[in-house]
Protein backbone atom coordinates (compact mmCIF):
# COMPACT_ATOMS: atom_id res chain seq x y z
CA MET A 1 90.12 129.19 82.38
CA LEU A 2 93.18 130.40 84.11
CA SER A 3 96.30 131.63 82.67
CA SER A 4 99.40 129.78 83.19
CA ALA A 5 101.00 132.56 83.87
CA ILE A 6 99.62 132.40 87.44
CA PHE A 7 101.38 129.25 88.35
CA ARG A 8 104.38 129.61 90.17
CA GLU A 9 106.80 126.90 91.84
CA TYR A 10 105.04 127.63 95.45
CA ASP A 11 102.00 129.44 94.69
CA ILE A 12 99.61 130.98 92.43
CA ARG A 13 99.90 134.87 91.99
CA GLY A 14 97.58 137.26 89.95
CA VAL A 15 95.49 140.28 90.04
CA ALA A 16 92.36 138.66 91.73
CA ASP A 17 89.73 140.42 89.10
CA ARG A 18 91.85 139.79 86.07
CA ASP A 19 93.63 136.65 86.48
CA LEU A 20 91.24 135.00 88.97
CA PRO A 21 87.78 134.59 88.05
CA SER A 22 85.32 132.92 90.36
CA GLU A 23 84.78 130.14 87.73
CA GLY A 24 88.31 129.51 87.17
CA VAL A 25 88.95 129.42 91.18
CA VAL A 26 86.26 126.92 91.39
CA SER A 27 87.96 124.72 88.86
CA LEU A 28 91.20 124.99 90.57
CA GLY A 29 89.83 123.85 93.72
CA ARG A 30 88.05 120.88 92.03
CA ALA A 31 91.41 119.93 90.69
CA ILE A 32 93.71 120.64 94.01
CA GLY A 33 90.73 118.48 96.01
CA THR A 34 91.06 115.52 93.44
CA TYR A 35 94.74 115.67 93.61
CA VAL A 36 94.73 115.54 97.48
CA ARG A 37 92.21 112.71 97.26
CA ARG A 38 94.13 110.56 94.73
CA ARG A 39 97.51 111.61 96.34
CA SER A 40 96.85 110.96 99.99
CA GLY A 41 93.88 109.07 99.88
CA GLY A 42 92.49 111.48 102.72
CA ASN A 43 89.97 114.71 102.06
CA ARG A 44 90.99 117.33 104.43
CA VAL A 45 92.45 120.59 103.51
CA PHE A 46 92.98 123.74 105.34
CA VAL A 47 92.59 127.08 103.57
CA ALA A 48 93.55 130.63 104.85
CA ARG A 49 93.33 134.05 103.47
CA ASP A 50 94.77 137.46 103.86
CA THR A 51 92.97 140.97 104.10
CA ARG A 52 92.54 141.86 100.61
CA LEU A 53 89.17 142.94 99.68
CA SER A 54 89.19 140.22 97.44
CA SER A 55 90.24 137.23 99.48
CA PRO A 56 86.55 136.38 100.77
CA ARG A 57 85.24 135.89 96.96
CA LEU A 58 88.55 133.85 96.28
CA ARG A 59 88.29 131.63 99.34
CA ASP A 60 84.57 130.97 98.79
CA ALA A 61 85.26 129.69 95.19
CA LEU A 62 88.07 127.70 96.18
CA VAL A 63 86.28 126.27 98.95
CA GLY A 64 83.29 125.27 96.75
CA GLY A 65 85.80 123.55 94.35
CA LEU A 66 87.40 121.79 96.92
CA ILE A 67 84.06 120.41 98.35
CA GLN A 68 82.73 119.62 95.00
CA ALA A 69 85.96 117.35 94.87
CA GLY A 70 84.88 115.55 98.06
CA CYS A 71 87.11 117.38 100.65
CA GLN A 72 86.66 118.32 104.20
CA VAL A 73 87.69 122.24 104.12
CA THR A 74 88.82 123.60 107.34
CA ASP A 75 88.82 127.41 107.27
CA ILE A 76 91.36 129.05 109.42
CA GLY A 77 90.53 132.68 108.34
CA VAL A 78 92.81 135.58 107.97
CA ALA A 79 96.23 134.49 108.86
CA PRO A 80 99.86 134.38 107.37
CA THR A 81 101.06 131.19 105.47
CA PRO A 82 103.50 129.97 108.53
CA VAL A 83 100.33 129.92 110.66
CA LEU A 84 98.15 127.95 108.37
CA TYR A 85 101.06 125.45 108.07
CA TYR A 86 101.15 125.31 111.81
CA ALA A 87 97.40 124.69 112.03
CA ALA A 88 97.79 121.99 109.43
CA TYR A 89 100.56 120.15 110.97
CA LYS A 90 98.74 120.18 114.37
CA GLN A 91 95.60 118.89 113.25
CA ASN A 92 97.64 116.30 111.22
CA PRO A 93 95.52 116.53 108.18
CA GLU A 94 95.85 113.70 105.35
CA GLY A 95 96.62 116.13 102.70
């Protein structure tokens, strides 16, 4: 279970090993994927990560949950947030 304290207005922040266990991140991915599919009717989601050591684990867990929710995931790799936004915009994803 994830603490409500990690959810901010525009992002999710916490200490990786303490606040973001893999099981919780998988559940988060399922929730986000379900939201995207219901809200947009589409299933395409883009993800990126930073260079922290915990990022591959968090990415794998999130992507696993998104896939369980029926999403098609495009991982653009290590990239800052503006690059993720640009990639998503240029590819015209549904969600």
